[in-house]
PDB file of N, CA and C in Angstrom:
ATOM      1  N   MET A   1       0.846  -1.187   0.000  1.00  0.00           N
ATOM      2  CA  MET A   1       0.000   0.000   0.000  1.00  0.00           C
ATOM      3  C   MET A   1       0.884   1.241   0.000  1.00  0.00           C
ATOM      4  N   HIS A   2       0.568   2.187  -0.824  1.00  0.00           N
ATOM      5  CA  HIS A   2       1.343   3.414  -0.929  1.00  0.00           C
ATOM      6  C   HIS A   2       0.791   4.444   0.061  1.00  0.00           C
ATOM      7  N   TRP A   3       1.664   4.998   0.890  1.00  0.00           N
ATOM      8  CA  TRP A   3       1.268   5.976   1.894  1.00  0.00           C
ATOM      9  C   TRP A   3       1.797   7.343   1.505  1.00  0.00           C
ATOM     10  N   PRO A   4       1.000   8.352   1.707  1.00  0.00           N
ATOM     11  CA  PRO A   4       1.489   9.711   1.444  1.00  0.00           C
ATOM     12  C   PRO A   4       2.659  10.054   2.367  1.00  0.00           C
ATOM     13  N   HIS A   5       3.431  11.007   1.966  1.00  0.00           N
ATOM     14  CA  HIS A   5       4.609  11.418   2.726  1.00  0.00           C
ATOM     15  C   HIS A   5       4.242  11.895   4.134  1.00  0.00           C
ATOM     16  N   ARG A   6       3.081  12.469   4.296  1.00  0.00           N
ATOM     17  CA  ARG A   6       2.727  13.039   5.597  1.00  0.00           C
ATOM     18  C   ARG A   6       2.613  11.978   6.690  1.00  0.00           C
ATOM     19  N   TYR A   7       2.372  10.712   6.326  1.00  0.00           N
ATOM     20  CA  TYR A   7       2.245   9.661   7.323  1.00  0.00           C
ATOM     21  C   TYR A   7       3.596   9.195   7.855  1.00  0.00           C
ATOM     22  N   SER A   8       4.674   9.579   7.229  1.00  0.00           N
ATOM     23  CA  SER A   8       5.982   9.205   7.734  1.00  0.00           C
ATOM     24  C   SER A   8       6.616  10.359   8.504  1.00  0.00           C
ATOM     25  N   SER A   9       5.814  11.279   8.944  1.00  0.00           N
ATOM     26  CA  SER A   9       6.292  12.448   9.661  1.00  0.00           C
ATOM     27  C   SER A   9       6.245  12.197  11.175  1.00  0.00           C
ATOM     28  N   LEU A  10       7.134  12.864  11.894  1.00  0.00           N
ATOM     29  CA  LEU A  10       7.098  12.783  13.354  1.00  0.00           C
ATOM     30  C   LEU A  10       5.853  13.451  13.924  1.00  0.00           C
ATOM     31  N   TRP A  11       5.291  14.410  13.206  1.00  0.00           N
ATOM     32  CA  TRP A  11       4.076  15.079  13.673  1.00  0.00           C
ATOM     33  C   TRP A  11       2.920  14.091  13.774  1.00  0.00           C
ATOM     34  N   HIS A  12       2.858  13.161  12.847  1.00  0.00           N
ATOM     35  CA  HIS A  12       1.807  12.143  12.907  1.00  0.00           C
ATOM     36  C   HIS A  12       1.992  11.266  14.141  1.00  0.00           C
ATOM     37  N   MET A  13       3.233  11.005  14.505  1.00  0.00           N
ATOM     38  CA  MET A  13       3.507  10.160  15.661  1.00  0.00           C
ATOM     39  C   MET A  13       3.098  10.832  16.972  1.00  0.00           C
ATOM     40  N   ILE A  14       3.280  12.135  17.078  1.00  0.00           N
ATOM     41  CA  ILE A  14       2.995  12.815  18.348  1.00  0.00           C
ATOM     42  C   ILE A  14       1.632  13.491  18.369  1.00  0.00           C
ATOM     43  N   ALA A  15       0.795  13.220  17.398  1.00  0.00           N
ATOM     44  CA  ALA A  15      -0.522  13.867  17.352  1.00  0.00           C
ATOM     45  C   ALA A  15      -1.396  13.455  18.537  1.00  0.00           C
ATOM     46  N   ALA A  16      -1.397  12.179  18.905  1.00  0.00           N
ATOM     47  CA  ALA A  16      -2.236  11.730  20.023  1.00  0.00           C
ATOM     48  C   ALA A  16      -1.790  12.351  21.355  1.00  0.00           C
ATOM     49  N   PRO A  17      -0.495  12.401  21.668  1.00  0.00           N
ATOM     50  CA  PRO A  17      -0.112  13.104  22.895  1.00  0.00           C
ATOM     51  C   PRO A  17      -0.451  14.600  22.872  1.00  0.00           C
ATOM     52  N   ILE A  18      -0.468  15.200  21.700  1.00  0.00           N
ATOM     53  CA  ILE A  18      -0.888  16.601  21.610  1.00  0.00           C
ATOM     54  C   ILE A  18      -2.367  16.727  21.952  1.00  0.00           C
ATOM     55  N   VAL A  19      -3.188  15.796  21.470  1.00  0.00           N
ATOM     56  CA  VAL A  19      -4.619  15.794  21.827  1.00  0.00           C
ATOM     57  C   VAL A  19      -4.766  15.626  23.330  1.00  0.00           C
ATOM     58  N   TRP A  20      -3.983  14.751  23.927  1.00  0.00           N
ATOM     59  CA  TRP A  20      -4.011  14.546  25.377  1.00  0.00           C
ATOM     60  C   TRP A  20      -3.670  15.838  26.106  1.00  0.00           C
ATOM     61  N   ALA A  21      -2.626  16.537  25.670  1.00  0.00           N
ATOM     62  CA  ALA A  21      -2.225  17.790  26.314  1.00  0.00           C
ATOM     63  C   ALA A  21      -3.300  18.865  26.185  1.00  0.00           C
ATOM     64  N   ILE A  22      -3.904  18.959  25.011  1.00  0.00           N
ATOM     65  CA  ILE A  22      -4.987  19.930  24.814  1.00  0.00           C
ATOM     66  C   ILE A  22      -6.170  19.585  25.707  1.00  0.00           C
ATOM     67  N   HIS A  23      -6.484  18.289  25.816  1.00  0.00           N
ATOM     68  CA  HIS A  23      -7.573  17.851  26.697  1.00  0.00           C
ATOM     69  C   HIS A  23      -7.265  18.222  28.146  1.00  0.00           C
ATOM     70  N   PHE A  24      -6.045  17.988  28.580  1.00  0.00           N
ATOM     71  CA  PHE A  24      -5.643  18.309  29.948  1.00  0.00           C
ATOM     72  C   PHE A  24      -5.860  19.792  30.241  1.00  0.00           C
ATOM     73  N   CYS A  25      -5.337  20.639  29.365  1.00  0.00           N
ATOM     74  CA  CYS A  25      -5.471  22.091  29.566  1.00  0.00           C
ATOM     75  C   CYS A  25      -6.931  22.531  29.512  1.00  0.00           C
ATOM     76  N   THR A  26      -7.684  21.969  28.587  1.00  0.00           N
ATOM     77  CA  THR A  26      -9.094  22.335  28.445  1.00  0.00           C
ATOM     78  C   THR A  26      -9.898  21.949  29.676  1.00  0.00           C
ATOM     79  N   VAL A  27      -9.712  20.725  30.146  1.00  0.00           N
ATOM     80  CA  VAL A  27     -10.492  20.244  31.293  1.00  0.00           C
ATOM     81  C   VAL A  27     -10.171  21.042  32.549  1.00  0.00           C
ATOM     82  N   TYR A  28      -8.899  21.233  32.824  1.00  0.00           N
ATOM     83  CA  TYR A  28      -8.563  21.953  34.042  1.00  0.00           C
ATOM     84  C   TYR A  28      -8.896  23.442  33.944  1.00  0.00           C
ATOM     85  N   GLY A  29      -8.744  24.016  32.784  1.00  0.00           N
ATOM     86  CA  GLY A  29      -9.150  25.414  32.605  1.00  0.00           C
ATOM     87  C   GLY A  29     -10.652  25.586  32.721  1.00  0.00           C
ATOM     88  N   TRP A  30     -11.402  24.693  32.091  1.00  0.00           N
ATOM     89  CA  TRP A  30     -12.866  24.746  32.151  1.00  0.00           C
ATOM     90  C   TRP A  30     -13.352  24.573  33.585  1.00  0.00           C
ATOM     91  N   THR A  31     -12.816  23.592  34.276  1.00  0.00           N
ATOM     92  CA  THR A  31     -13.251  23.337  35.657  1.00  0.00           C
ATOM     93  C   THR A  31     -12.915  24.526  36.557  1.00  0.00           C
ATOM     94  N   ALA A  32     -11.747  25.092  36.403  1.00  0.00           N
ATOM     95  CA  ALA A  32     -11.375  26.247  37.219  1.00  0.00           C
ATOM     96  C   ALA A  32     -12.276  27.441  36.926  1.00  0.00           C
ATOM     97  N   ALA A  33     -12.562  27.679  35.667  1.00  0.00           N
ATOM     98  CA  ALA A  33     -13.408  28.820  35.314  1.00  0.00           C
ATOM     99  C   ALA A  33     -14.836  28.635  35.800  1.00  0.00           C
ATOM    100  N   VAL A  34     -15.396  27.453  35.603  1.00  0.00           N
ATOM    101  CA  VAL A  34     -16.784  27.209  36.006  1.00  0.00           C
ATOM    102  C   VAL A  34     -16.917  27.232  37.519  1.00  0.00           C
ATOM    103  N   CYS A  35     -15.970  26.624  38.208  1.00  0.00           N
ATOM    104  CA  CYS A  35     -16.068  26.587  39.666  1.00  0.00           C
ATOM    105  C   CYS A  35     -15.779  27.949  40.301  1.00  0.00           C
ATOM    106  N   ALA A  36     -14.922  28.751  39.695  1.00  0.00           N
ATOM    107  CA  ALA A  36     -14.610  30.061  40.257  1.00  0.00           C
ATOM    108  C   ALA A  36     -15.745  31.056  40.042  1.00  0.00           C
ATOM    109  N   ARG A  37     -16.424  30.950  38.914  1.00  0.00           N
ATOM    110  CA  ARG A  37     -17.462  31.941  38.597  1.00  0.00           C
ATOM    111  C   ARG A  37     -18.850  31.522  39.035  1.00  0.00           C
ATOM    112  N   ALA A  38     -19.197  30.260  38.845  1.00  0.00           N
ATOM    113  CA  ALA A  38     -20.588  29.873  39.057  1.00  0.00           C
ATOM    114  C   ALA A  38     -20.776  28.834  40.150  1.00  0.00           C
ATOM    115  N   ASP A  39     -19.696  28.220  40.630  1.00  0.00           N
ATOM    116  CA  ASP A  39     -19.781  27.134  41.598  1.00  0.00           C
ATOM    117  C   ASP A  39     -20.803  26.091  41.125  1.00  0.00           C
ATOM    118  N   ALA A  40     -20.589  25.612  39.892  1.00  0.00           N
ATOM    119  CA  ALA A  40     -21.521  24.674  39.272  1.00  0.00           C
ATOM    120  C   ALA A  40     -20.801  23.369  38.926  1.00  0.00           C
ATOM    121  N   PRO A  41     -20.787  22.414  39.880  1.00  0.00           N
ATOM    122  CA  PRO A  41     -20.097  21.162  39.585  1.00  0.00           C
ATOM    123  C   PRO A  41     -20.744  20.374  38.444  1.00  0.00           C
ATOM    124  N   GLY A  42     -22.035  20.566  38.222  1.00  0.00           N
ATOM    125  CA  GLY A  42     -22.701  19.887  37.108  1.00  0.00           C
ATOM    126  C   GLY A  42     -22.174  20.356  35.761  1.00  0.00           C
ATOM    127  N   ALA A  43     -21.964  21.653  35.639  1.00  0.00           N
ATOM    128  CA  ALA A  43     -21.411  22.198  34.398  1.00  0.00           C
ATOM    129  C   ALA A  43     -19.966  21.747  34.211  1.00  0.00           C
ATOM    130  N   ALA A  44     -19.227  21.642  35.317  1.00  0.00           N
ATOM    131  CA  ALA A  44     -17.851  21.156  35.230  1.00  0.00           C
ATOM    132  C   ALA A  44     -17.825  19.709  34.757  1.00  0.00           C
ATOM    133  N   ARG A  45     -18.729  18.906  35.277  1.00  0.00           N
ATOM    134  CA  ARG A  45     -18.824  17.501  34.850  1.00  0.00           C
ATOM    135  C   ARG A  45     -19.195  17.398  33.374  1.00  0.00           C
ATOM    136  N   PHE A  46     -20.185  18.175  32.965  1.00  0.00           N
ATOM    137  CA  PHE A  46     -20.638  18.113  31.573  1.00  0.00           C
ATOM    138  C   PHE A  46     -19.513  18.514  30.619  1.00  0.00           C
ATOM    139  N   GLY A  47     -18.832  19.600  30.924  1.00  0.00           N
ATOM    140  CA  GLY A  47     -17.732  20.052  30.064  1.00  0.00           C
ATOM    141  C   GLY A  47     -16.596  19.049  30.015  1.00  0.00           C
ATOM    142  N   THR A  48     -16.278  18.465  31.160  1.00  0.00           N
ATOM    143  CA  THR A  48     -15.229  17.453  31.198  1.00  0.00           C
ATOM    144  C   THR A  48     -15.626  16.228  30.392  1.00  0.00           C
ATOM    145  N   GLY A  49     -16.861  15.800  30.537  1.00  0.00           N
ATOM    146  CA  GLY A  49     -17.336  14.643  29.778  1.00  0.00           C
ATOM    147  C   GLY A  49     -17.322  14.884  28.279  1.00  0.00           C
ATOM    148  N   LEU A  50     -17.769  16.053  27.877  1.00  0.00           N
ATOM    149  CA  LEU A  50     -17.784  16.391  26.457  1.00  0.00           C
ATOM    150  C   LEU A  50     -16.366  16.458  25.889  1.00  0.00           C
ATOM    151  N   ALA A  51     -15.468  17.131  26.598  1.00  0.00           N
ATOM    152  CA  ALA A  51     -14.081  17.228  26.142  1.00  0.00           C
ATOM    153  C   ALA A  51     -13.427  15.849  26.090  1.00  0.00           C
ATOM    154  N   THR A  52     -13.777  14.989  27.038  1.00  0.00           N
ATOM    155  CA  THR A  52     -13.206  13.642  27.063  1.00  0.00           C
ATOM    156  C   THR A  52     -13.695  12.815  25.883  1.00  0.00           C
ATOM    157  N   LEU A  53     -14.966  12.903  25.568  1.00  0.00           N
ATOM    158  CA  LEU A  53     -15.480  12.155  24.416  1.00  0.00           C
ATOM    159  C   LEU A  53     -14.839  12.618  23.113  1.00  0.00           C
ATOM    160  N   VAL A  54     -14.690  13.917  22.964  1.00  0.00           N
ATOM    161  CA  VAL A  54     -14.066  14.455  21.749  1.00  0.00           C
ATOM    162  C   VAL A  54     -12.605  14.004  21.666  1.00  0.00           C
ATOM    163  N   ALA A  55     -11.884  14.081  22.788  1.00  0.00           N
ATOM    164  CA  ALA A  55     -10.467  13.693  22.789  1.00  0.00           C
ATOM    165  C   ALA A  55     -10.309  12.200  22.511  1.00  0.00           C
ATOM    166  N   LEU A  56     -11.150  11.362  23.130  1.00  0.00           N
ATOM    167  CA  LEU A  56     -11.049   9.925  22.894  1.00  0.00           C
ATOM    168  C   LEU A  56     -11.396   9.566  21.449  1.00  0.00           C
ATOM    169  N   ALA A  57     -12.356  10.267  20.856  1.00  0.00           N
ATOM    170  CA  ALA A  57     -12.691  10.020  19.447  1.00  0.00           C
ATOM    171  C   ALA A  57     -11.510  10.402  18.551  1.00  0.00           C
ATOM    172  N   ALA A  58     -10.882  11.538  18.828  1.00  0.00           N
ATOM    173  CA  ALA A  58      -9.729  11.966  18.025  1.00  0.00           C
ATOM    174  C   ALA A  58      -8.565  10.993  18.185  1.00  0.00           C
ATOM    175  N   ILE A  59      -8.320  10.534  19.403  1.00  0.00           N
ATOM    176  CA  ILE A  59      -7.225   9.595  19.643  1.00  0.00           C
ATOM    177  C   ILE A  59      -7.521   8.247  18.990  1.00  0.00           C
ATOM    178  N   ALA A  60      -8.765   7.811  19.034  1.00  0.00           N
ATOM    179  CA  ALA A  60      -9.130   6.552  18.368  1.00  0.00           C
ATOM    180  C   ALA A  60      -8.906   6.656  16.864  1.00  0.00           C
ATOM    181  N   TRP A  61      -9.275   7.779  16.274  1.00  0.00           N
ATOM    182  CA  TRP A  61      -9.063   7.984  14.838  1.00  0.00           C
ATOM    183  C   TRP A  61      -7.569   7.981  14.510  1.00  0.00           C
ATOM    184  N   LEU A  62      -6.784   8.684  15.313  1.00  0.00           N
ATOM    185  CA  LEU A  62      -5.335   8.719  15.101  1.00  0.00           C
ATOM    186  C   LEU A  62      -4.713   7.337  15.310  1.00  0.00           C
ATOM    187  N   GLY A  63      -5.189   6.609  16.316  1.00  0.00           N
ATOM    188  CA  GLY A  63      -4.687   5.265  16.570  1.00  0.00           C
ATOM    189  C   GLY A  63      -5.009   4.308  15.443  1.00  0.00           C
ATOM    190  N   TRP A  64      -6.193   4.439  14.867  1.00  0.00           N
ATOM    191  CA  TRP A  64      -6.566   3.592  13.737  1.00  0.00           C
ATOM    192  C   TRP A  64      -5.656   3.850  12.537  1.00  0.00           C
ATOM    193  N   HIS A  65      -5.398   5.108  12.261  1.00  0.00           N
ATOM    194  CA  HIS A  65      -4.508   5.428  11.149  1.00  0.00           C
ATOM    195  C   HIS A  65      -3.075   4.972  11.433  1.00  0.00           C
ATOM    196  N   ALA A  66      -2.659   5.035  12.686  1.00  0.00           N
ATOM    197  CA  ALA A  66      -1.325   4.541  13.038  1.00  0.00           C
ATOM    198  C   ALA A  66      -1.256   3.023  12.876  1.00  0.00           C
ATOM    199  N   TRP A  67      -2.333   2.325  13.242  1.00  0.00           N
ATOM    200  CA  TRP A  67      -2.394   0.873  13.070  1.00  0.00           C
ATOM    201  C   TRP A  67      -2.265   0.508  11.585  1.00  0.00           C
ATOM    202  N   LEU A  68      -2.961   1.245  10.744  1.00  0.00           N
ATOM    203  CA  LEU A  68      -2.871   0.993   9.302  1.00  0.00           C
ATOM    204  C   LEU A  68      -1.475   1.293   8.783  1.00  0.00           C
ATOM    205  N   GLN A  69      -0.851   2.330   9.292  1.00  0.00           N
ATOM    206  CA  GLN A  69       0.505   2.684   8.865  1.00  0.00           C
ATOM    207  C   GLN A  69       1.501   1.624   9.331  1.00  0.00           C
ATOM    208  N   TRP A  70       1.301   1.083  10.515  1.00  0.00           N
ATOM    209  CA  TRP A  70       2.189   0.067  11.051  1.00  0.00           C
ATOM    210  C   TRP A  70       2.173  -1.176  10.166  1.00  0.00           C
ATOM    211  N   ASP A  71       1.013  -1.512   9.615  1.00  0.00           N
ATOM    212  CA  ASP A  71       0.857  -2.638   8.699  1.00  0.00           C
ATOM    213  C   ASP A  71       1.270  -3.941   9.376  1.00  0.00           C
ATOM    214  N   TYR A  72       0.716  -4.151  10.570  1.00  0.00           N
ATOM    215  CA  TYR A  72       1.056  -5.317  11.383  1.00  0.00           C
ATOM    216  C   TYR A  72       0.487  -6.592  10.774  1.00  0.00           C
ATOM    217  N   ARG A  73       1.329  -7.576  10.611  1.00  0.00           N
ATOM    218  CA  ARG A  73       0.923  -8.906  10.133  1.00  0.00           C
ATOM    219  C   ARG A  73       1.541  -9.938  11.076  1.00  0.00           C
ATOM    220  N   PRO A  74       0.728 -10.611  11.887  1.00  0.00           N
ATOM    221  CA  PRO A  74       1.290 -11.485  12.920  1.00  0.00           C
ATOM    222  C   PRO A  74       2.055 -12.692  12.388  1.00  0.00           C
ATOM    223  N   HIS A  75       1.732 -13.202  11.227  1.00  0.00           N
ATOM    224  CA  HIS A  75       2.378 -14.413  10.721  1.00  0.00           C
ATOM    225  C   HIS A  75       3.341 -14.128   9.568  1.00  0.00           C
ATOM    226  N   ASP A  76       3.802 -12.897   9.472  1.00  0.00           N
ATOM    227  CA  ASP A  76       4.737 -12.514   8.417  1.00  0.00           C
ATOM    228  C   ASP A  76       6.061 -12.119   9.072  1.00  0.00           C
ATOM    229  N   PRO A  77       7.040 -13.019   9.077  1.00  0.00           N
ATOM    230  CA  PRO A  77       8.297 -12.702   9.771  1.00  0.00           C
ATOM    231  C   PRO A  77       9.199 -11.777   8.951  1.00  0.00           C
ATOM    232  N   ARG A  78       8.813 -10.516   8.880  1.00  0.00           N
ATOM    233  CA  ARG A  78       9.627  -9.542   8.152  1.00  0.00           C
ATOM    234  C   ARG A  78      10.733  -9.024   9.056  1.00  0.00           C
ATOM    235  N   LEU A  79      11.920  -8.962   8.547  1.00  0.00           N
ATOM    236  CA  LEU A  79      13.039  -8.412   9.294  1.00  0.00           C
ATOM    237  C   LEU A  79      13.303  -6.993   8.815  1.00  0.00           C
ATOM    238  N   HIS A  80      13.522  -6.127   9.764  1.00  0.00           N
ATOM    239  CA  HIS A  80      13.857  -4.743   9.425  1.00  0.00           C
ATOM    240  C   HIS A  80      15.319  -4.516   9.789  1.00  0.00           C
ATOM    241  N   ASP A  81      16.197  -5.163   9.036  1.00  0.00           N
ATOM    242  CA  ASP A  81      17.608  -5.046   9.335  1.00  0.00           C
ATOM    243  C   ASP A  81      18.334  -4.061   8.426  1.00  0.00           C
ATOM    244  N   VAL A  82      17.587  -3.431   7.524  1.00  0.00           N
ATOM    245  CA  VAL A  82      18.161  -2.434   6.626  1.00  0.00           C
ATOM    246  C   VAL A  82      17.331  -1.159   6.765  1.00  0.00           C
ATOM    247  N   PRO A  83      17.968  -0.005   6.930  1.00  0.00           N
ATOM    248  CA  PRO A  83      17.208   1.236   7.097  1.00  0.00           C
ATOM    249  C   PRO A  83      16.558   1.681   5.785  1.00  0.00           C
ATOM    250  N   THR A  84      15.333   1.256   5.587  1.00  0.00           N
ATOM    251  CA  THR A  84      14.599   1.622   4.384  1.00  0.00           C
ATOM    252  C   THR A  84      13.471   2.575   4.745  1.00  0.00           C
ATOM    253  N   THR A  85      12.912   3.197   3.753  1.00  0.00           N
ATOM    254  CA  THR A  85      11.775   4.090   3.963  1.00  0.00           C
ATOM    255  C   THR A  85      10.578   3.313   4.497  1.00  0.00           C
ATOM    256  N   GLU A  86      10.386   2.111   3.997  1.00  0.00           N
ATOM    257  CA  GLU A  86       9.274   1.261   4.448  1.00  0.00           C
ATOM    258  C   GLU A  86       9.410   0.907   5.930  1.00  0.00           C
ATOM    259  N   ALA A  87      10.607   0.530   6.355  1.00  0.00           N
ATOM    260  CA  ALA A  87      10.840   0.186   7.754  1.00  0.00           C
ATOM    261  C   ALA A  87      10.636   1.403   8.652  1.00  0.00           C
ATOM    262  N   ARG A  88      11.077   2.554   8.205  1.00  0.00           N
ATOM    263  CA  ARG A  88      10.897   3.785   8.983  1.00  0.00           C
ATOM    264  C   ARG A  88       9.425   4.132   9.116  1.00  0.00           C
ATOM    265  N   ARG A  89       8.687   3.997   8.018  1.00  0.00           N
ATOM    266  CA  ARG A  89       7.259   4.282   8.043  1.00  0.00           C
ATOM    267  C   ARG A  89       6.530   3.338   9.004  1.00  0.00           C
ATOM    268  N   GLU A  90       6.866   2.064   8.966  1.00  0.00           N
ATOM    269  CA  GLU A  90       6.223   1.108   9.858  1.00  0.00           C
ATOM    270  C   GLU A  90       6.603   1.352  11.314  1.00  0.00           C
ATOM    271  N   PHE A  91       7.859   1.720  11.564  1.00  0.00           N
ATOM    272  CA  PHE A  91       8.270   2.040  12.928  1.00  0.00           C
ATOM    273  C   PHE A  91       7.496   3.238  13.465  1.00  0.00           C
ATOM    274  N   LEU A  92       7.374   4.274  12.663  1.00  0.00           N
ATOM    275  CA  LEU A  92       6.632   5.460  13.102  1.00  0.00           C
ATOM    276  C   LEU A  92       5.165   5.124  13.338  1.00  0.00           C
ATOM    277  N   GLY A  93       4.590   4.245  12.523  1.00  0.00           N
ATOM    278  CA  GLY A  93       3.216   3.809  12.743  1.00  0.00           C
ATOM    279  C   GLY A  93       3.070   3.044  14.038  1.00  0.00           C
ATOM    280  N   HIS A  94       4.038   2.161  14.322  1.00  0.00           N
ATOM    281  CA  HIS A  94       3.996   1.399  15.572  1.00  0.00           C
ATOM    282  C   HIS A  94       4.114   2.322  16.782  1.00  0.00           C
ATOM    283  N   ALA A  95       5.063   3.242  16.727  1.00  0.00           N
ATOM    284  CA  ALA A  95       5.246   4.194  17.822  1.00  0.00           C
ATOM    285  C   ALA A  95       4.012   5.073  18.007  1.00  0.00           C
ATOM    286  N   ALA A  96       3.413   5.511  16.904  1.00  0.00           N
ATOM    287  CA  ALA A  96       2.204   6.341  16.992  1.00  0.00           C
ATOM    288  C   ALA A  96       1.053   5.550  17.590  1.00  0.00           C
ATOM    289  N   TRP A  97       0.946   4.269  17.239  1.00  0.00           N
ATOM    290  CA  TRP A  97      -0.126   3.428  17.790  1.00  0.00           C
ATOM    291  C   TRP A  97       0.047   3.260  19.299  1.00  0.00           C
ATOM    292  N   LEU A  98       1.272   3.020  19.747  1.00  0.00           N
ATOM    293  CA  LEU A  98       1.529   2.884  21.176  1.00  0.00           C
ATOM    294  C   LEU A  98       1.274   4.201  21.917  1.00  0.00           C
ATOM    295  N   LEU A  99       1.681   5.306  21.321  1.00  0.00           N
ATOM    296  CA  LEU A  99       1.432   6.607  21.951  1.00  0.00           C
ATOM    297  C   LEU A  99      -0.057   6.935  21.999  1.00  0.00           C
ATOM    298  N   ALA A 100      -0.819   6.481  21.014  1.00  0.00           N
ATOM    299  CA  ALA A 100      -2.269   6.683  21.047  1.00  0.00           C
ATOM    300  C   ALA A 100      -2.885   5.927  22.223  1.00  0.00           C
ATOM    301  N   GLY A 101      -2.395   4.719  22.484  1.00  0.00           N
ATOM    302  CA  GLY A 101      -2.893   3.961  23.638  1.00  0.00           C
ATOM    303  C   GLY A 101      -2.572   4.637  24.952  1.00  0.00           C
ATOM    304  N   VAL A 102      -1.346   5.094  25.104  1.00  0.00           N
ATOM    305  CA  VAL A 102      -0.945   5.798  26.326  1.00  0.00           C
ATOM    306  C   VAL A 102      -1.739   7.096  26.477  1.00  0.00           C
ATOM    307  N   SER A 103      -1.970   7.784  25.377  1.00  0.00           N
ATOM    308  CA  SER A 103      -2.723   9.042  25.414  1.00  0.00           C
ATOM    309  C   SER A 103      -4.171   8.803  25.806  1.00  0.00           C
ATOM    310  N   ALA A 104      -4.770   7.720  25.325  1.00  0.00           N
ATOM    311  CA  ALA A 104      -6.151   7.399  25.706  1.00  0.00           C
ATOM    312  C   ALA A 104      -6.238   7.123  27.208  1.00  0.00           C
ATOM    313  N   ILE A 105      -5.270   6.392  27.735  1.00  0.00           N
ATOM    314  CA  ILE A 105      -5.244   6.140  29.182  1.00  0.00           C
ATOM    315  C   ILE A 105      -5.076   7.450  29.938  1.00  0.00           C
ATOM    316  N   GLY A 106      -4.216   8.331  29.455  1.00  0.00           N
ATOM    317  CA  GLY A 106      -4.018   9.633  30.097  1.00  0.00           C
ATOM    318  C   GLY A 106      -5.277  10.482  30.095  1.00  0.00           C
ATOM    319  N   VAL A 107      -6.003  10.472  28.986  1.00  0.00           N
ATOM    320  CA  VAL A 107      -7.254  11.233  28.904  1.00  0.00           C
ATOM    321  C   VAL A 107      -8.264  10.694  29.912  1.00  0.00           C
ATOM    322  N   ILE A 108      -8.342   9.387  30.025  1.00  0.00           N
ATOM    323  CA  ILE A 108      -9.283   8.790  30.988  1.00  0.00           C
ATOM    324  C   ILE A 108      -8.903   9.169  32.408  1.00  0.00           C
ATOM    325  N   PHE A 109      -7.618   9.142  32.733  1.00  0.00           N
ATOM    326  CA  PHE A 109      -7.195   9.505  34.078  1.00  0.00           C
ATOM    327  C   PHE A 109      -7.413  10.984  34.371  1.00  0.00           C
ATOM    328  N   VAL A 110      -7.256  11.836  33.383  1.00  0.00           N
ATOM    329  CA  VAL A 110      -7.536  13.261  33.580  1.00  0.00           C
ATOM    330  C   VAL A 110      -9.021  13.472  33.847  1.00  0.00           C
ATOM    331  N   ALA A 111      -9.869  12.670  33.232  1.00  0.00           N
ATOM    332  CA  ALA A 111     -11.312  12.840  33.370  1.00  0.00           C
ATOM    333  C   ALA A 111     -11.878  12.179  34.623  1.00  0.00           C
ATOM    334  N   LEU A 112     -11.142  11.298  35.263  1.00  0.00           N
ATOM    335  CA  LEU A 112     -11.668  10.590  36.431  1.00  0.00           C
ATOM    336  C   LEU A 112     -12.147  11.493  37.566  1.00  0.00           C
ATOM    337  N   PRO A 113     -11.482  12.591  37.896  1.00  0.00           N
ATOM    338  CA  PRO A 113     -11.988  13.424  38.984  1.00  0.00           C
ATOM    339  C   PRO A 113     -13.398  13.966  38.742  1.00  0.00           C
ATOM    340  N   ALA A 114     -13.809  14.071  37.491  1.00  0.00           N
ATOM    341  CA  ALA A 114     -15.159  14.569  37.206  1.00  0.00           C
ATOM    342  C   ALA A 114     -16.225  13.650  37.781  1.00  0.00           C
ATOM    343  N   ILE A 115     -15.917  12.378  37.913  1.00  0.00           N
ATOM    344  CA  ILE A 115     -16.873  11.436  38.489  1.00  0.00           C
ATOM    345  C   ILE A 115     -17.094  11.759  39.961  1.00  0.00           C
ATOM    346  N   PHE A 116     -16.071  12.255  40.626  1.00  0.00           N
ATOM    347  CA  PHE A 116     -16.123  12.459  42.063  1.00  0.00           C
ATOM    348  C   PHE A 116     -16.440  13.896  42.478  1.00  0.00           C
ATOM    349  N   ILE A 117     -16.643  14.782  41.518  1.00  0.00           N
ATOM    350  CA  ILE A 117     -16.921  16.177  41.856  1.00  0.00           C
ATOM    351  C   ILE A 117     -18.308  16.258  42.509  1.00  0.00           C
ATOM    352  N   GLU A 118     -18.319  16.690  43.768  1.00  0.00           N
ATOM    353  CA  GLU A 118     -19.591  16.933  44.446  1.00  0.00           C
ATOM    354  C   GLU A 118     -19.827  18.423  44.638  1.00  0.00           C
ATOM    355  N   SER A 119     -18.745  19.145  44.820  1.00  0.00           N
ATOM    356  CA  SER A 119     -18.844  20.601  44.930  1.00  0.00           C
ATOM    357  C   SER A 119     -17.547  21.192  44.396  1.00  0.00           C
ATOM    358  N   CYS A 120     -17.564  22.473  44.221  1.00  0.00           N
ATOM    359  CA  CYS A 120     -16.384  23.147  43.682  1.00  0.00           C
ATOM    360  C   CYS A 120     -15.472  23.679  44.779  1.00  0.00           C
ATOM    361  N   LEU A 121     -15.713  23.320  45.997  1.00  0.00           N
ATOM    362  CA  LEU A 121     -14.877  23.815  47.108  1.00  0.00           C
ATOM    363  C   LEU A 121     -13.586  23.092  47.212  1.00  0.00           C
TER     364      LEU A 121
END
């Protein structure tokens, strides 16, 4: 399968952690603003839940594309002993897929306090 040049970029590999970082800043900024101005834990929960769903959807999409780029075949013993463009592309896909998994776990952990919010104090 022929992949466009953009899929062999380092930016594609770090896209999921960037989504995680944006989610982190958004959730904590939203919660601080809502709790400081309105003392509304329900609004904080809703905003956190919405941001979490959007972030998880984006990370899932990025992870799927990384999986396709990795081109994993369990019964194909391919050796990557020569630095080729194909091997580099597959390595970046594998790394991006693993980072998408770690980023999804990070997003879930950032969102966990929203379950326990009873008040903004």
